[in-house]
Structure formats: C-alpha cells, structure tokens
C-alpha atoms as a PDB file:
ATOM      1  CA  MET A   1     -63.928 -65.487 -41.109  1.00  0.00           C
ATOM      2  CA  ASP A   2     -66.781 -65.570 -43.396  1.00  0.00           C
ATOM      3  CA  ALA A   3     -68.727 -62.548 -44.399  1.00  0.00           C
ATOM      4  CA  ASN A   4     -71.706 -63.098 -42.350  1.00  0.00           C
ATOM      5  CA  GLU A   5     -69.272 -63.060 -39.272  1.00  0.00           C
ATOM      6  CA  LEU A   6     -67.305 -59.907 -40.274  1.00  0.00           C
ATOM      7  CA  ALA A   7     -70.923 -58.456 -40.923  1.00  0.00           C
ATOM      8  CA  MET A   8     -72.094 -59.114 -36.909  1.00  0.00           C
ATOM      9  CA  HIS A   9     -68.671 -58.077 -36.036  1.00  0.00           C
ATOM     10  CA  ARG A  10     -68.842 -54.506 -37.910  1.00  0.00           C
ATOM     11  CA  ALA A  11     -72.309 -54.073 -36.520  1.00  0.00           C
ATOM     12  CA  ASN A  12     -71.392 -54.777 -33.049  1.00  0.00           C
ATOM     13  CA  THR A  13     -68.282 -52.568 -32.928  1.00  0.00           C
ATOM     14  CA  GLN A  14     -70.454 -50.096 -34.240  1.00  0.00           C
ATOM     15  CA  ALA A  15     -73.215 -50.456 -31.486  1.00  0.00           C
ATOM     16  CA  PHE A  16     -70.349 -50.519 -28.971  1.00  0.00           C
ATOM     17  CA  ILE A  17     -68.766 -47.155 -30.183  1.00  0.00           C
ATOM     18  CA  ALA A  18     -72.568 -45.730 -30.309  1.00  0.00           C
ATOM     19  CA  ALA A  19     -73.167 -46.302 -26.722  1.00  0.00           C
ATOM     20  CA  ASN A  20     -70.449 -43.977 -25.804  1.00  0.00           C
ATOM     21  CA  PRO A  21     -69.179 -41.833 -28.616  1.00  0.00           C
ATOM     22  CA  SER A  22     -66.456 -39.313 -29.002  1.00  0.00           C
ATOM     23  CA  THR A  23     -65.818 -37.442 -31.951  1.00  0.00           C
ATOM     24  CA  LEU A  24     -62.439 -36.848 -32.694  1.00  0.00           C
ATOM     25  CA  THR A  25     -60.398 -34.944 -35.224  1.00  0.00           C
ATOM     26  CA  LEU A  26     -56.992 -36.814 -35.277  1.00  0.00           C
ATOM     27  CA  THR A  27     -54.126 -34.946 -36.346  1.00  0.00           C
ATOM     28  CA  PRO A  28     -50.741 -36.811 -37.778  1.00  0.00           C
ATOM     29  CA  ARG A  29     -47.599 -35.916 -37.050  1.00  0.00           C
ATOM     30  CA  THR A  30     -44.106 -37.593 -37.868  1.00  0.00           C
ATOM     31  CA  LYS A  31     -40.499 -37.083 -36.074  1.00  0.00           C
ATOM     32  CA  GLN A  32     -37.925 -35.064 -38.142  1.00  0.00           C
ATOM     33  CA  LYS A  33     -34.105 -34.765 -37.639  1.00  0.00           C
ATOM     34  CA  THR A  34     -33.160 -31.355 -36.803  1.00  0.00           C
ATOM     35  CA  GLY A  35     -29.653 -29.604 -36.344  1.00  0.00           C
ATOM     36  CA  GLY A  36     -29.550 -31.026 -32.814  1.00  0.00           C
ATOM     37  CA  GLY A  37     -32.112 -33.471 -32.139  1.00  0.00           C
ATOM     38  CA  THR A  38     -35.755 -34.339 -33.423  1.00  0.00           C
ATOM     39  CA  ALA A  39     -38.991 -32.010 -33.758  1.00  0.00           C
ATOM     40  CA  TRP A  40     -42.218 -33.320 -34.304  1.00  0.00           C
ATOM     41  CA  ILE A  41     -44.004 -31.780 -37.891  1.00  0.00           C
ATOM     42  CA  TYR A  42     -47.808 -31.655 -37.822  1.00  0.00           C
ATOM     43  CA  GLY A  43     -49.706 -32.886 -40.784  1.00  0.00           C
ATOM     44  CA  THR A  44     -53.234 -31.789 -42.279  1.00  0.00           C
ATOM     45  CA  PRO A  45     -56.011 -32.850 -39.441  1.00  0.00           C
ATOM     46  CA  ARG A  46     -57.748 -35.590 -40.760  1.00  0.00           C
ATOM     47  CA  PRO A  47     -61.800 -35.495 -40.957  1.00  0.00           C
ATOM     48  CA  ALA A  48     -63.585 -35.579 -37.850  1.00  0.00           C
ATOM     49  CA  GLN A  49     -64.610 -39.430 -36.865  1.00  0.00           C
ATOM     50  CA  VAL A  50     -66.688 -40.820 -34.372  1.00  0.00           C
ATOM     51  CA  MET A  51     -64.729 -43.306 -32.119  1.00  0.00           C
ATOM     52  CA  ARG A  52     -64.841 -44.479 -28.460  1.00  0.00           C
ATOM     53  CA  LEU A  53     -61.996 -44.162 -25.768  1.00  0.00           C
ATOM     54  CA  ILE A  54     -61.749 -46.988 -23.408  1.00  0.00           C
ATOM     55  CA  ASP A  55     -60.081 -46.414 -20.222  1.00  0.00           C
ATOM     56  CA  GLN A  56     -57.559 -48.779 -19.216  1.00  0.00           C
ATOM     57  CA  SER A  57     -56.167 -47.123 -16.392  1.00  0.00           C
ATOM     58  CA  SER A  58     -57.643 -49.038 -13.751  1.00  0.00           C
ATOM     59  CA  THR A  59     -55.817 -52.436 -15.177  1.00  0.00           C
ATOM     60  CA  SER A  60     -52.689 -51.597 -13.868  1.00  0.00           C
ATOM     61  CA  GLY A  61     -54.132 -50.567 -10.346  1.00  0.00           C
ATOM     62  CA  PRO A  62     -56.153 -47.847  -8.392  1.00  0.00           C
ATOM     63  CA  THR A  63     -54.535 -44.842  -9.537  1.00  0.00           C
ATOM     64  CA  PRO A  64     -53.030 -44.092 -12.839  1.00  0.00           C
ATOM     65  CA  GLY A  65     -49.394 -43.072 -13.422  1.00  0.00           C
ATOM     66  CA  SER A  66     -48.029 -39.388 -13.293  1.00  0.00           C
ATOM     67  CA  VAL A  67     -45.065 -37.775 -15.173  1.00  0.00           C
ATOM     68  CA  ARG A  68     -43.463 -35.013 -13.612  1.00  0.00           C
ATOM     69  CA  ALA A  69     -43.742 -31.619 -15.421  1.00  0.00           C
ATOM     70  CA  ALA A  70     -41.529 -28.160 -14.574  1.00  0.00           C
ATOM     71  CA  ASP A  71     -44.688 -26.589 -13.083  1.00  0.00           C
ATOM     72  CA  GLY A  72     -45.423 -29.915 -10.938  1.00  0.00           C
ATOM     73  CA  ILE A  73     -46.884 -33.247 -11.721  1.00  0.00           C
ATOM     74  CA  GLN A  74     -49.388 -34.207 -14.649  1.00  0.00           C
ATOM     75  CA  ARG A  75     -51.542 -37.212 -15.205  1.00  0.00           C
ATOM     76  CA  ARG A  76     -50.634 -39.849 -17.849  1.00  0.00           C
ATOM     77  CA  VAL A  77     -53.707 -41.898 -18.419  1.00  0.00           C
ATOM     78  CA  THR A  78     -53.930 -44.481 -20.794  1.00  0.00           C
ATOM     79  CA  TYR A  79     -57.049 -46.150 -23.177  1.00  0.00           C
ATOM     80  CA  GLN A  80     -57.765 -47.862 -26.012  1.00  0.00           C
ATOM     81  CA  LEU A  81     -59.186 -45.857 -28.814  1.00  0.00           C
ATOM     82  CA  LEU A  82     -62.247 -47.611 -30.914  1.00  0.00           C
ATOM     83  CA  GLY A  83     -62.895 -47.097 -34.414  1.00  0.00           C
ATOM     84  CA  THR A  84     -64.883 -48.485 -37.380  1.00  0.00           C
ATOM     85  CA  TRP A  85     -62.965 -51.284 -39.521  1.00  0.00           C
ATOM     86  CA  ASP A  86     -62.700 -47.993 -42.215  1.00  0.00           C
ATOM     87  CA  ALA A  87     -61.338 -45.586 -39.590  1.00  0.00           C
ATOM     88  CA  THR A  88     -58.271 -43.597 -40.169  1.00  0.00           C
ATOM     89  CA  ILE A  89     -55.578 -43.735 -37.456  1.00  0.00           C
ATOM     90  CA  GLY A  90     -51.895 -43.315 -37.182  1.00  0.00           C
ATOM     91  CA  LEU A  91     -49.346 -43.621 -35.335  1.00  0.00           C
ATOM     92  CA  TYR A  92     -48.202 -40.435 -33.095  1.00  0.00           C
ATOM     93  CA  ASP A  93     -51.535 -38.887 -34.205  1.00  0.00           C
ATOM     94  CA  THR A  94     -52.702 -36.072 -31.654  1.00  0.00           C
ATOM     95  CA  TRP A  95     -55.617 -34.473 -30.743  1.00  0.00           C
ATOM     96  CA  THR A  96     -56.868 -31.769 -28.057  1.00  0.00           C
ATOM     97  CA  ASP A  97     -60.093 -32.390 -26.151  1.00  0.00           C
ATOM     98  CA  ALA A  98     -62.400 -29.579 -24.821  1.00  0.00           C
ATOM     99  CA  GLN A  99     -60.726 -29.952 -21.147  1.00  0.00           C
ATOM    100  CA  GLY A 100     -57.443 -29.248 -22.722  1.00  0.00           C
ATOM    101  CA  PHE A 101     -55.990 -32.444 -22.092  1.00  0.00           C
ATOM    102  CA  VAL A 102     -53.407 -33.812 -25.087  1.00  0.00           C
ATOM    103  CA  TRP A 103     -53.867 -37.431 -26.606  1.00  0.00           C
ATOM    104  CA  THR A 104     -51.069 -39.288 -28.128  1.00  0.00           C
ATOM    105  CA  VAL A 105     -51.808 -42.517 -30.272  1.00  0.00           C
ATOM    106  CA  ASP A 106     -48.530 -44.682 -28.924  1.00  0.00           C
ATOM    107  CA  ASP A 107     -49.217 -47.866 -30.726  1.00  0.00           C
ATOM    108  CA  LEU A 108     -51.719 -49.457 -33.308  1.00  0.00           C
ATOM    109  CA  ILE A 109     -53.218 -52.620 -32.539  1.00  0.00           C
ATOM    110  CA  PRO A 110     -53.375 -55.151 -35.529  1.00  0.00           C
ATOM    111  CA  ASP A 111     -56.070 -54.774 -37.940  1.00  0.00           C
ATOM    112  CA  ASN A 112     -58.863 -57.435 -37.702  1.00  0.00           C
ATOM    113  CA  GLY A 113     -60.976 -56.231 -40.346  1.00  0.00           C
ATOM    114  CA  TYR A 114     -64.068 -55.254 -37.908  1.00  0.00           C
ATOM    115  CA  GLU A 115     -62.550 -52.671 -36.320  1.00  0.00           C
ATOM    116  CA  ARG A 116     -59.308 -50.502 -35.660  1.00  0.00           C
ATOM    117  CA  ARG A 117     -57.610 -49.923 -32.467  1.00  0.00           C
ATOM    118  CA  ALA A 118     -55.075 -47.930 -31.104  1.00  0.00           C
ATOM    119  CA  GLU A 119     -53.130 -47.616 -27.777  1.00  0.00           C
ATOM    120  CA  VAL A 120     -53.638 -43.521 -26.623  1.00  0.00           C
ATOM    121  CA  THR A 121     -52.458 -41.557 -23.838  1.00  0.00           C
ATOM    122  CA  ARG A 122     -53.637 -38.402 -22.174  1.00  0.00           C
ATOM    123  CA  TYR A 123     -51.576 -35.889 -20.638  1.00  0.00           C
ATOM    124  CA  GLY A 124     -52.621 -33.068 -18.441  1.00  0.00           C
ATOM    125  CA  GLU A 125     -52.634 -31.172 -15.315  1.00  0.00           C
ATOM    126  CA  SER A 126     -53.851 -33.677 -12.466  1.00  0.00           C
END
C-alpha cells in the first residue's frame, strides 16, 4: 500500500475511534508455572490509551454467552478492541472498567499498518 493510502486508512481509523472512544490502561500478564499448576503474573500497567470497543456478541445470536460461576452465572461478552496503528496491545493484557467488568485480550489480529485490533472478552455478573 502506498503512503497516501496508508495515511488515509490511519486517519479513518482515528476518526472511527474518536466517534466512540474509551480510555484504557492495559496491564500485561504472563502465565508462570507453579508447583501444582500455573498462575498469572501481572506486569507494569501500560500508559493510558484511547481505543474503541466494538461489540461482537450480536454476531453469534441474540443472547451473549454465559459462564457458570460459584455464585451464579456470569456474562461473557466478546468485543474487538481497536487502536491506532501505534497502540500497544499484548496477548493476555487485562483491565477493569468503571462498572467493575474485567476485560482480557484473547487474541491479536494481524497488524495491517494502520490499526491494531484484538479480540477481547468482558466478564462480569449478569
């Protein structure tokens, strides 16, 4: 893709994010083996970034998935996280929003040079 097309895609991505922005502070985490299993080790939170969350749960039917929890059923809703081309998103990053929902990065979508995308899941009580 030439420089003009790349600049146009980057500008369009920024405009799309600006239409419904979310400011997020992602925290990287890695799995570490322990004596009897694994544990998540949390790193230093990344600087706050402005991104957009795109609901994907409606693509799999009228009701989002649910996960059984010890104290009932929790909702599990899938989204895509969209950032500008220079956004920093890592596999397994996590954040908690103002409503107390926990979000995790489940997969990174290949880099195309003008946006960074990830598949994310929101967990929380229904």
